[in-house]
Amino acid sequence: MPVNNAKELFVKMLSDVRQRTEHTTKIYEELSEATNDPNIKEALQSRAFLQDKTLSTLDRCFKLIGEKPIQSTGRLQDVFLEDFRREIAEIQSPTAKALFALAKANQVIHMRIAEYMALIAMADVTDHFGIGVLLESCLADKLAFVERTRRLIRHSIELKHDMKIAA
């Protein structure tokens, strides 16, 4: 689709983020299946659950601008999952698998953060300040997950370290 103006670019970017959000749910579900740690599994499953809220918010954005999402051709998520499956299969330690899954979740969420920052700027450029508010709420959700993931990684490492010292 040729892009001729800021609004068309905004619709394209918003469509891309919406499609990636749908795919990201699958990524979080697969990441959660790769770990036996109940805390990490629960956190990743909760992240997948919250994607529905994000999709609703993005749908509201489309409604406010009077547009529908356009189809995107990105394969980034497919390549990510292919690489994840190959790499996780090589990891033998359950703890290492859990940490690897968290690291990959962190990688995904940082890509989403960058997308939302660009979309918020585009909402402002196209004078859609209400949409900017909705997108900022999605961004805040992503930032909270980054913090939660950081804490889970740290907790997992500290727990293993404490177990080594006790042994």
Foldseek 3Di string as FASTA:
>chain_A
DDDDDLVSVLLQLLLVLLVVLVLVLVLLQVLLVQAPPVVLNVLSNVVSVCSVVVNVLSVVVCVVVVHDHDDDDDCVSVVLVVVLVVVSVPDDDNLVSSLSSLVSNLVSLVVSLVSLVVSLVSCVVVVNNVNNVSSVVVNVVSVVSNVVSVVVNVVSVVVVVVVVVVD
